[in-house]
C-alpha cells in the first residue's frame, strides 16, 4: 500500500502525519514502529492519523514510536491542526476529537498553533521516587515533574528511564520532566517520554505539566509561562487561576512530504 505522509515538527517533537479521512489506511503496530524508526524508516517520535469525525472538523489518532496507541499529545494536536489547514480545511479555529475528548485549536501567525488543553487532574504533591523529590499531574498524559538546579547536567536518559518504570508510584508508567526555574515566568525543561522511551526535543503535555505544577507551587507568578525545550525553541503555556483554561502555544512546522510503501 502506497501512503502519502507529511513529516512535521512541533518545537522539535516530530511526527508522521497521514490523512485517513477516507478510512482506507490500516497500519499495524509493527508498521508504525518501522515508519517511526530513526535510521531505517521516516523517523519520528510518533505517528498521527487525521480521520473523519461526525461532530468535529476531524478526529486525531495518535501512536507513539513503539507503535502503541497513546494518550494525548499536545504538540501532536498543534501539528495536526496545521496539517488539517494545509489539507484543505481552510479555517483558523478548529475543534477535533482525541481519546474521547474534544479539543479546540487556533492557527496563529508564522505557522504557530494555539491548543486548548483539557483541565489538568490527579495532582500529587511531593513524594520521593528513585531518590529524588517528584510531583505528578495528568495533563491528558501522565507526567512526573522533578525540579533541578541545572537540567543540562542531568543524565535524563538514565534517571528518566528509572522513574518512568517505577511501578510502585506509576503502575502504568509515566512521562518524566526535569525542570529548572529560570525566572518568575520562564522554565527550562527536558523530558523523557513514555512510548518513545527516550528523551525528546520537546513535549507539549510535559510543558503544560511543568507550568501547571510550578504555578500551583508558587514557583512562577504569572499566567503566561515560557518554557525552553531541548530543541532550543520556546513553548508558551497560558493558564488561569482555576487551571480550567490552559493553552499550549508553539511552532507547528512542515519538515517534508513524501510517499512510503507499507
C-alpha atoms as a PDB file:
ATOM      1  CA  UNK A   1       0.000   0.000   0.000  1.00  0.00           C
ATOM      2  CA  UNK A   2       1.360   3.413  -1.008  1.00  0.00           C
ATOM      3  CA  UNK A   3       0.752   6.166   1.556  1.00  0.00           C
ATOM      4  CA  UNK A   4       1.303   9.917   1.290  1.00  0.00           C
ATOM      5  CA  UNK A   5       2.615  11.474   4.505  1.00  0.00           C
ATOM      6  CA  UNK A   6       3.805  14.765   5.945  1.00  0.00           C
ATOM      7  CA  UNK A   7       6.685  14.961   8.399  1.00  0.00           C
ATOM      8  CA  UNK A   8       6.021  17.720  10.950  1.00  0.00           C
ATOM      9  CA  UNK A   9       7.790  19.220  13.945  1.00  0.00           C
ATOM     10  CA  UNK A  10       6.198  20.840  16.975  1.00  0.00           C
ATOM     11  CA  UNK A  11       9.130  22.712  18.538  1.00  0.00           C
ATOM     12  CA  UNK A  12      11.332  19.669  17.862  1.00  0.00           C
ATOM     13  CA  UNK A  13       8.764  16.998  18.769  1.00  0.00           C
ATOM     14  CA  UNK A  14       8.452  15.294  15.370  1.00  0.00           C
ATOM     15  CA  UNK A  15       5.592  13.345  13.810  1.00  0.00           C
ATOM     16  CA  UNK A  16       4.476  11.459  10.746  1.00  0.00           C
ATOM     17  CA  UNK A  17       1.020  12.788   9.833  1.00  0.00           C
ATOM     18  CA  UNK A  18      -1.326  10.969   7.440  1.00  0.00           C
ATOM     19  CA  UNK A  19      -4.736  11.942   6.077  1.00  0.00           C
ATOM     20  CA  UNK A  20      -7.003   8.957   6.700  1.00  0.00           C
ATOM     21  CA  UNK A  21     -10.392  10.645   6.376  1.00  0.00           C
ATOM     22  CA  UNK A  22     -11.285   8.006   3.801  1.00  0.00           C
ATOM     23  CA  UNK A  23     -10.677   5.256   6.368  1.00  0.00           C
ATOM     24  CA  UNK A  24      -8.709   3.266   3.789  1.00  0.00           C
ATOM     25  CA  UNK A  25      -5.438   3.122   5.724  1.00  0.00           C
ATOM     26  CA  UNK A  26      -4.926   0.427   8.357  1.00  0.00           C
ATOM     27  CA  UNK A  27      -1.493   0.307   9.988  1.00  0.00           C
ATOM     28  CA  UNK A  28      -0.326  -2.418  12.352  1.00  0.00           C
ATOM     29  CA  UNK A  29       1.771  -1.809  15.440  1.00  0.00           C
ATOM     30  CA  UNK A  30       4.832  -3.125  13.605  1.00  0.00           C
ATOM     31  CA  UNK A  31       4.091  -0.878  10.587  1.00  0.00           C
ATOM     32  CA  UNK A  32       4.062   2.194  12.814  1.00  0.00           C
ATOM     33  CA  UNK A  33       7.189   1.103  14.632  1.00  0.00           C
ATOM     34  CA  UNK A  34       9.025   0.670  11.314  1.00  0.00           C
ATOM     35  CA  UNK A  35       7.869   4.038   9.971  1.00  0.00           C
ATOM     36  CA  UNK A  36       8.958   5.850  13.153  1.00  0.00           C
ATOM     37  CA  UNK A  37      12.398   4.182  13.256  1.00  0.00           C
ATOM     38  CA  UNK A  38      15.121   6.812  13.002  1.00  0.00           C
ATOM     39  CA  UNK A  39      17.624   5.008  10.763  1.00  0.00           C
ATOM     40  CA  UNK A  40      15.508   2.630   8.714  1.00  0.00           C
ATOM     41  CA  UNK A  41      12.193   4.471   8.474  1.00  0.00           C
ATOM     42  CA  UNK A  42      10.944   8.021   8.138  1.00  0.00           C
ATOM     43  CA  UNK A  43      11.874   8.719  11.750  1.00  0.00           C
ATOM     44  CA  UNK A  44       9.564  10.321  14.314  1.00  0.00           C
ATOM     45  CA  UNK A  45       8.503  10.456  17.964  1.00  0.00           C
ATOM     46  CA  UNK A  46       5.021   9.365  16.897  1.00  0.00           C
ATOM     47  CA  UNK A  47       2.515   8.917  14.089  1.00  0.00           C
ATOM     48  CA  UNK A  48      -0.885  10.572  13.702  1.00  0.00           C
ATOM     49  CA  UNK A  49      -3.875   9.731  11.561  1.00  0.00           C
ATOM     50  CA  UNK A  50      -6.314  12.527  10.726  1.00  0.00           C
ATOM     51  CA  UNK A  51      -9.670  10.761  10.483  1.00  0.00           C
ATOM     52  CA  UNK A  52     -13.302  11.628   9.838  1.00  0.00           C
ATOM     53  CA  UNK A  53     -15.427  12.995  12.671  1.00  0.00           C
ATOM     54  CA  UNK A  54     -19.201  13.395  12.541  1.00  0.00           C
ATOM     55  CA  UNK A  55     -19.225  16.164  15.166  1.00  0.00           C
ATOM     56  CA  UNK A  56     -15.936  17.985  14.646  1.00  0.00           C
ATOM     57  CA  UNK A  57     -13.513  19.083  11.947  1.00  0.00           C
ATOM     58  CA  UNK A  58     -11.556  15.842  12.285  1.00  0.00           C
ATOM     59  CA  UNK A  59     -10.510  13.110  14.696  1.00  0.00           C
ATOM     60  CA  UNK A  60      -6.900  12.623  15.825  1.00  0.00           C
ATOM     61  CA  UNK A  61      -5.495   9.124  16.392  1.00  0.00           C
ATOM     62  CA  UNK A  62      -2.030   9.199  17.924  1.00  0.00           C
ATOM     63  CA  UNK A  63       0.523   6.394  18.189  1.00  0.00           C
ATOM     64  CA  UNK A  64       3.875   6.513  19.951  1.00  0.00           C
ATOM     65  CA  UNK A  65       7.062   5.436  18.197  1.00  0.00           C
ATOM     66  CA  UNK A  66       6.676   1.985  19.780  1.00  0.00           C
ATOM     67  CA  UNK A  67       3.556   1.518  17.627  1.00  0.00           C
ATOM     68  CA  UNK A  68       1.088   1.562  20.503  1.00  0.00           C
ATOM     69  CA  UNK A  69      -1.914   3.923  20.784  1.00  0.00           C
ATOM     70  CA  UNK A  70      -1.156   6.712  23.218  1.00  0.00           C
ATOM     71  CA  UNK A  71      -2.809   9.274  25.426  1.00  0.00           C
ATOM     72  CA  UNK A  72      -2.997  12.920  24.341  1.00  0.00           C
ATOM     73  CA  UNK A  73      -0.008  14.536  22.654  1.00  0.00           C
ATOM     74  CA  UNK A  74      -0.098  18.323  22.911  1.00  0.00           C
ATOM     75  CA  UNK A  75       2.485  19.105  20.251  1.00  0.00           C
ATOM     76  CA  UNK A  76       0.828  16.491  18.068  1.00  0.00           C
ATOM     77  CA  UNK A  77      -2.501  18.256  18.495  1.00  0.00           C
ATOM     78  CA  UNK A  78      -0.935  21.508  17.352  1.00  0.00           C
ATOM     79  CA  UNK A  79       0.753  19.872  14.348  1.00  0.00           C
ATOM     80  CA  UNK A  80      -2.339  18.003  13.179  1.00  0.00           C
ATOM     81  CA  UNK A  81      -4.303  21.271  13.357  1.00  0.00           C
ATOM     82  CA  UNK A  82      -1.901  22.894  10.912  1.00  0.00           C
ATOM     83  CA  UNK A  83      -1.928  19.731   8.805  1.00  0.00           C
ATOM     84  CA  UNK A  84      -5.736  19.941   8.619  1.00  0.00           C
ATOM     85  CA  UNK A  85      -5.484  23.544   7.465  1.00  0.00           C
ATOM     86  CA  UNK A  86      -2.889  22.662   4.812  1.00  0.00           C
ATOM     87  CA  UNK A  87      -5.049  19.697   3.733  1.00  0.00           C
ATOM     88  CA  UNK A  88      -7.898  21.961   2.697  1.00  0.00           C
ATOM     89  CA  UNK A  89      -9.860  22.655   5.888  1.00  0.00           C
ATOM     90  CA  UNK A  90      -9.300  26.370   5.447  1.00  0.00           C
ATOM     91  CA  UNK A  91     -10.309  27.977   8.707  1.00  0.00           C
ATOM     92  CA  UNK A  92      -8.433  29.422  11.668  1.00  0.00           C
ATOM     93  CA  UNK A  93     -10.443  27.921  14.552  1.00  0.00           C
ATOM     94  CA  UNK A  94     -10.806  24.150  14.801  1.00  0.00           C
ATOM     95  CA  UNK A  95     -12.453  21.583  17.004  1.00  0.00           C
ATOM     96  CA  UNK A  96     -11.316  17.966  16.946  1.00  0.00           C
ATOM     97  CA  UNK A  97     -11.696  14.798  18.956  1.00  0.00           C
ATOM     98  CA  UNK A  98      -8.934  12.722  20.512  1.00  0.00           C
ATOM     99  CA  UNK A  99      -9.246   9.887  23.017  1.00  0.00           C
ATOM    100  CA  UNK A 100     -12.904  10.676  23.634  1.00  0.00           C
ATOM    101  CA  UNK A 101     -12.262  14.342  24.459  1.00  0.00           C
ATOM    102  CA  UNK A 102     -12.928  17.498  22.467  1.00  0.00           C
ATOM    103  CA  UNK A 103     -10.098  19.933  21.795  1.00  0.00           C
ATOM    104  CA  UNK A 104     -10.143  23.448  20.356  1.00  0.00           C
ATOM    105  CA  UNK A 105      -7.235  24.931  18.436  1.00  0.00           C
ATOM    106  CA  UNK A 106      -6.364  28.088  16.547  1.00  0.00           C
ATOM    107  CA  UNK A 107      -3.957  28.882  13.712  1.00  0.00           C
ATOM    108  CA  UNK A 108      -1.771  31.853  14.691  1.00  0.00           C
ATOM    109  CA  UNK A 109       0.917  33.765  12.812  1.00  0.00           C
ATOM    110  CA  UNK A 110       4.140  32.301  11.393  1.00  0.00           C
ATOM    111  CA  UNK A 111       2.939  28.703  11.498  1.00  0.00           C
ATOM    112  CA  UNK A 112       2.244  28.700  15.221  1.00  0.00           C
ATOM    113  CA  UNK A 113      -0.788  26.961  16.710  1.00  0.00           C
ATOM    114  CA  UNK A 114      -2.628  27.519  19.995  1.00  0.00           C
ATOM    115  CA  UNK A 115      -4.304  24.469  21.549  1.00  0.00           C
ATOM    116  CA  UNK A 116      -6.738  24.470  24.459  1.00  0.00           C
ATOM    117  CA  UNK A 117      -5.891  21.557  26.734  1.00  0.00           C
ATOM    118  CA  UNK A 118      -8.203  19.582  28.991  1.00  0.00           C
ATOM    119  CA  UNK A 119      -8.097  20.793  32.632  1.00  0.00           C
ATOM    120  CA  UNK A 120      -5.248  19.057  34.472  1.00  0.00           C
ATOM    121  CA  UNK A 121      -6.168  16.425  37.057  1.00  0.00           C
ATOM    122  CA  UNK A 122      -4.803  13.905  39.563  1.00  0.00           C
ATOM    123  CA  UNK A 123      -2.214  16.268  41.093  1.00  0.00           C
ATOM    124  CA  UNK A 124       0.024  14.561  43.644  1.00  0.00           C
ATOM    125  CA  UNK A 125       2.155  16.641  45.980  1.00  0.00           C
ATOM    126  CA  UNK A 126       5.773  15.914  46.768  1.00  0.00           C
ATOM    127  CA  UNK A 127       6.827  12.273  47.095  1.00  0.00           C
ATOM    128  CA  UNK A 128      10.169  10.503  46.712  1.00  0.00           C
ATOM    129  CA  UNK A 129      10.872   8.244  43.756  1.00  0.00           C
ATOM    130  CA  UNK A 130      14.244   6.815  42.749  1.00  0.00           C
ATOM    131  CA  UNK A 131      15.975   9.073  45.282  1.00  0.00           C
ATOM    132  CA  UNK A 132      14.520  12.395  44.048  1.00  0.00           C
ATOM    133  CA  UNK A 133      11.526  14.522  45.019  1.00  0.00           C
ATOM    134  CA  UNK A 134       8.787  14.362  42.439  1.00  0.00           C
ATOM    135  CA  UNK A 135       5.333  15.782  41.762  1.00  0.00           C
ATOM    136  CA  UNK A 136       2.693  14.307  39.482  1.00  0.00           C
ATOM    137  CA  UNK A 137      -0.128  15.599  37.311  1.00  0.00           C
ATOM    138  CA  UNK A 138      -2.194  14.349  34.384  1.00  0.00           C
ATOM    139  CA  UNK A 139      -2.453  16.883  31.548  1.00  0.00           C
ATOM    140  CA  UNK A 140      -4.004  14.466  29.062  1.00  0.00           C
ATOM    141  CA  UNK A 141      -0.984  12.234  29.589  1.00  0.00           C
ATOM    142  CA  UNK A 142       0.643  11.270  32.913  1.00  0.00           C
ATOM    143  CA  UNK A 143       3.641  13.355  33.973  1.00  0.00           C
ATOM    144  CA  UNK A 144       6.137  13.292  36.812  1.00  0.00           C
ATOM    145  CA  UNK A 145       7.768  16.677  37.465  1.00  0.00           C
ATOM    146  CA  UNK A 146      11.224  16.808  39.071  1.00  0.00           C
ATOM    147  CA  UNK A 147      12.981  20.113  39.813  1.00  0.00           C
ATOM    148  CA  UNK A 148      16.732  20.532  39.365  1.00  0.00           C
ATOM    149  CA  UNK A 149      19.207  23.400  39.602  1.00  0.00           C
ATOM    150  CA  UNK A 150      20.936  22.540  36.322  1.00  0.00           C
ATOM    151  CA  UNK A 151      18.965  20.317  33.964  1.00  0.00           C
ATOM    152  CA  UNK A 152      21.709  20.498  31.333  1.00  0.00           C
ATOM    153  CA  UNK A 153      23.987  18.377  33.534  1.00  0.00           C
ATOM    154  CA  UNK A 154      21.409  15.650  34.260  1.00  0.00           C
ATOM    155  CA  UNK A 155      21.539  12.152  32.823  1.00  0.00           C
ATOM    156  CA  UNK A 156      17.936  12.376  31.641  1.00  0.00           C
ATOM    157  CA  UNK A 157      18.022   9.034  29.853  1.00  0.00           C
ATOM    158  CA  UNK A 158      19.190   7.049  32.877  1.00  0.00           C
ATOM    159  CA  UNK A 159      17.166   8.755  35.627  1.00  0.00           C
ATOM    160  CA  UNK A 160      14.150   9.301  33.397  1.00  0.00           C
ATOM    161  CA  UNK A 161      14.004   5.618  32.492  1.00  0.00           C
ATOM    162  CA  UNK A 162      14.179   4.557  36.151  1.00  0.00           C
ATOM    163  CA  UNK A 163      11.373   6.903  37.205  1.00  0.00           C
ATOM    164  CA  UNK A 164       9.253   6.053  34.148  1.00  0.00           C
ATOM    165  CA  UNK A 165       9.375   2.340  35.057  1.00  0.00           C
ATOM    166  CA  UNK A 166       8.843   2.725  38.823  1.00  0.00           C
ATOM    167  CA  UNK A 167       5.733   0.572  39.250  1.00  0.00           C
ATOM    168  CA  UNK A 168       5.241   1.459  42.913  1.00  0.00           C
ATOM    169  CA  UNK A 169       4.376   5.069  42.067  1.00  0.00           C
ATOM    170  CA  UNK A 170       3.402   4.707  38.392  1.00  0.00           C
ATOM    171  CA  UNK A 171       1.757   1.330  37.696  1.00  0.00           C
ATOM    172  CA  UNK A 172       1.034   2.309  34.069  1.00  0.00           C
ATOM    173  CA  UNK A 173       4.310   4.172  33.625  1.00  0.00           C
ATOM    174  CA  UNK A 174       4.749   7.918  33.268  1.00  0.00           C
ATOM    175  CA  UNK A 175       6.486  10.638  31.306  1.00  0.00           C
ATOM    176  CA  UNK A 176       9.217  12.368  33.302  1.00  0.00           C
ATOM    177  CA  UNK A 177      10.018  16.090  33.177  1.00  0.00           C
ATOM    178  CA  UNK A 178      13.135  17.677  34.642  1.00  0.00           C
ATOM    179  CA  UNK A 179      12.513  21.365  35.258  1.00  0.00           C
ATOM    180  CA  UNK A 180      14.804  24.273  36.093  1.00  0.00           C
ATOM    181  CA  UNK A 181      13.455  27.636  37.263  1.00  0.00           C
ATOM    182  CA  UNK A 182      14.994  30.472  35.243  1.00  0.00           C
ATOM    183  CA  UNK A 183      12.795  33.400  36.324  1.00  0.00           C
ATOM    184  CA  UNK A 184       9.298  34.145  37.610  1.00  0.00           C
ATOM    185  CA  UNK A 185       7.842  33.310  34.180  1.00  0.00           C
ATOM    186  CA  UNK A 186      10.437  31.120  32.461  1.00  0.00           C
ATOM    187  CA  UNK A 187      11.384  27.459  32.853  1.00  0.00           C
ATOM    188  CA  UNK A 188      13.921  25.150  31.247  1.00  0.00           C
ATOM    189  CA  UNK A 189      12.631  21.615  30.650  1.00  0.00           C
ATOM    190  CA  UNK A 190      13.912  18.244  29.476  1.00  0.00           C
ATOM    191  CA  UNK A 191      11.517  15.305  29.069  1.00  0.00           C
ATOM    192  CA  UNK A 192      11.842  11.515  28.972  1.00  0.00           C
ATOM    193  CA  UNK A 193       8.785  10.272  27.081  1.00  0.00           C
ATOM    194  CA  UNK A 194       6.923   7.057  27.708  1.00  0.00           C
ATOM    195  CA  UNK A 195       6.360   5.167  24.455  1.00  0.00           C
ATOM    196  CA  UNK A 196       9.320   6.853  22.781  1.00  0.00           C
ATOM    197  CA  UNK A 197      11.492   5.504  25.614  1.00  0.00           C
ATOM    198  CA  UNK A 198      13.987   8.286  25.172  1.00  0.00           C
ATOM    199  CA  UNK A 199      14.429  11.994  25.701  1.00  0.00           C
ATOM    200  CA  UNK A 200      12.543  14.045  23.110  1.00  0.00           C
ATOM    201  CA  UNK A 201      13.391  17.540  21.906  1.00  0.00           C
ATOM    202  CA  UNK A 202      10.039  18.809  23.203  1.00  0.00           C
ATOM    203  CA  UNK A 203       6.884  17.511  24.880  1.00  0.00           C
ATOM    204  CA  UNK A 204       3.719  19.605  24.856  1.00  0.00           C
ATOM    205  CA  UNK A 205       1.803  17.895  27.663  1.00  0.00           C
ATOM    206  CA  UNK A 206       5.084  17.876  29.609  1.00  0.00           C
ATOM    207  CA  UNK A 207       5.400  21.645  29.217  1.00  0.00           C
ATOM    208  CA  UNK A 208       1.827  22.034  30.437  1.00  0.00           C
ATOM    209  CA  UNK A 209       2.592  19.766  33.410  1.00  0.00           C
ATOM    210  CA  UNK A 210       5.710  21.756  34.329  1.00  0.00           C
ATOM    211  CA  UNK A 211       3.888  25.079  34.023  1.00  0.00           C
ATOM    212  CA  UNK A 212       0.808  23.975  35.975  1.00  0.00           C
ATOM    213  CA  UNK A 213       2.759  22.340  38.817  1.00  0.00           C
ATOM    214  CA  UNK A 214       5.104  25.335  39.037  1.00  0.00           C
ATOM    215  CA  UNK A 215       2.106  27.667  39.232  1.00  0.00           C
ATOM    216  CA  UNK A 216       0.371  25.537  41.880  1.00  0.00           C
ATOM    217  CA  UNK A 217       3.540  25.510  43.988  1.00  0.00           C
ATOM    218  CA  UNK A 218       4.095  29.266  43.652  1.00  0.00           C
ATOM    219  CA  UNK A 219       7.367  28.821  41.773  1.00  0.00           C
ATOM    220  CA  UNK A 220       6.094  31.026  38.940  1.00  0.00           C
ATOM    221  CA  UNK A 221       3.821  34.014  39.405  1.00  0.00           C
ATOM    222  CA  UNK A 222       2.299  34.703  36.010  1.00  0.00           C
ATOM    223  CA  UNK A 223      -0.448  33.338  33.790  1.00  0.00           C
ATOM    224  CA  UNK A 224       1.881  33.297  30.770  1.00  0.00           C
ATOM    225  CA  UNK A 225       4.820  30.923  31.183  1.00  0.00           C
ATOM    226  CA  UNK A 226       7.681  30.446  28.727  1.00  0.00           C
ATOM    227  CA  UNK A 227       9.460  27.083  28.545  1.00  0.00           C
ATOM    228  CA  UNK A 228      12.776  26.497  26.790  1.00  0.00           C
ATOM    229  CA  UNK A 229      12.776  22.927  25.474  1.00  0.00           C
ATOM    230  CA  UNK A 230      15.689  20.722  24.436  1.00  0.00           C
ATOM    231  CA  UNK A 231      15.473  21.814  20.783  1.00  0.00           C
ATOM    232  CA  UNK A 232      16.192  25.378  21.907  1.00  0.00           C
ATOM    233  CA  UNK A 233      12.723  26.583  20.918  1.00  0.00           C
ATOM    234  CA  UNK A 234      10.266  28.230  23.298  1.00  0.00           C
ATOM    235  CA  UNK A 235       6.851  26.796  24.066  1.00  0.00           C
ATOM    236  CA  UNK A 236       4.281  29.007  25.784  1.00  0.00           C
ATOM    237  CA  UNK A 237       1.635  27.980  28.299  1.00  0.00           C
ATOM    238  CA  UNK A 238      -1.248  30.254  29.257  1.00  0.00           C
ATOM    239  CA  UNK A 239      -3.460  29.440  32.241  1.00  0.00           C
ATOM    240  CA  UNK A 240      -5.999  30.938  34.608  1.00  0.00           C
ATOM    241  CA  UNK A 241      -6.121  30.848  38.407  1.00  0.00           C
ATOM    242  CA  UNK A 242      -8.539  27.918  38.480  1.00  0.00           C
ATOM    243  CA  UNK A 243      -6.451  25.957  35.938  1.00  0.00           C
ATOM    244  CA  UNK A 244      -9.591  25.297  33.915  1.00  0.00           C
ATOM    245  CA  UNK A 245      -8.433  27.208  30.848  1.00  0.00           C
ATOM    246  CA  UNK A 246      -4.967  26.051  29.857  1.00  0.00           C
ATOM    247  CA  UNK A 247      -3.437  26.703  26.441  1.00  0.00           C
ATOM    248  CA  UNK A 248      -0.338  25.345  24.704  1.00  0.00           C
ATOM    249  CA  UNK A 249       1.273  27.597  22.080  1.00  0.00           C
ATOM    250  CA  UNK A 250       4.205  26.983  19.753  1.00  0.00           C
ATOM    251  CA  UNK A 251       5.513  26.175  16.312  1.00  0.00           C
ATOM    252  CA  UNK A 252       3.965  23.525  14.048  1.00  0.00           C
ATOM    253  CA  UNK A 253       6.216  23.210  11.020  1.00  0.00           C
ATOM    254  CA  UNK A 254       6.199  21.034   7.927  1.00  0.00           C
ATOM    255  CA  UNK A 255       9.621  19.406   7.553  1.00  0.00           C
ATOM    256  CA  UNK A 256       8.974  17.498   4.320  1.00  0.00           C
ATOM    257  CA  UNK A 257       6.337  15.496   2.476  1.00  0.00           C
ATOM    258  CA  UNK A 258       6.684  12.139   0.793  1.00  0.00           C
ATOM    259  CA  UNK A 259       5.271   8.767  -0.185  1.00  0.00           C
ATOM    260  CA  UNK A 260       6.044   5.487   1.523  1.00  0.00           C
ATOM    261  CA  UNK A 261       5.191   1.864   0.726  1.00  0.00           C
ATOM    262  CA  UNK A 262       3.850  -0.199   3.631  1.00  0.00           C
END
